[in-house]
Amino acid sequence: MLDRDRNERVIKVADIAPQYRHKVTFQLFERLDPEQLLQLVVDHDPRPLRLQLEARRGERCDWMFLEARPDVWRVRLQLRKCGAGRSCGSSQKSFSPPPQHA
């Protein structure tokens, strides 16, 4: 699904066969233009995926937690441009999700 107002594609990861989830996510992320967003909706903490994306793309991987509950996690991804004065090496970002909703 594409939200045309935000140029954001929303993917329910549960709709993808388990053995292909990370591969499909990496492919979708790699194909993003800098103005495009990819939102993932998952049923568990996506920290392992984040570590893998950031290991591959470092600071080019912009990751924002939108929601963190026991049964649903939503994150927004963006592939940043590399440019003059911008480092694209590994980043040391915090892995803290937003507070969980009761």
Foldseek 3Di string as FASTA:
>chain_A
DADVVQLEAEDELVVPPVVCSLVVVVVVQVPADQSHKYKYKYQDQCVVSVVVVLQVWAPQWDKAWPADENGITMIMTGGHDDDPPDDRHHYDDDPDHPDHDD
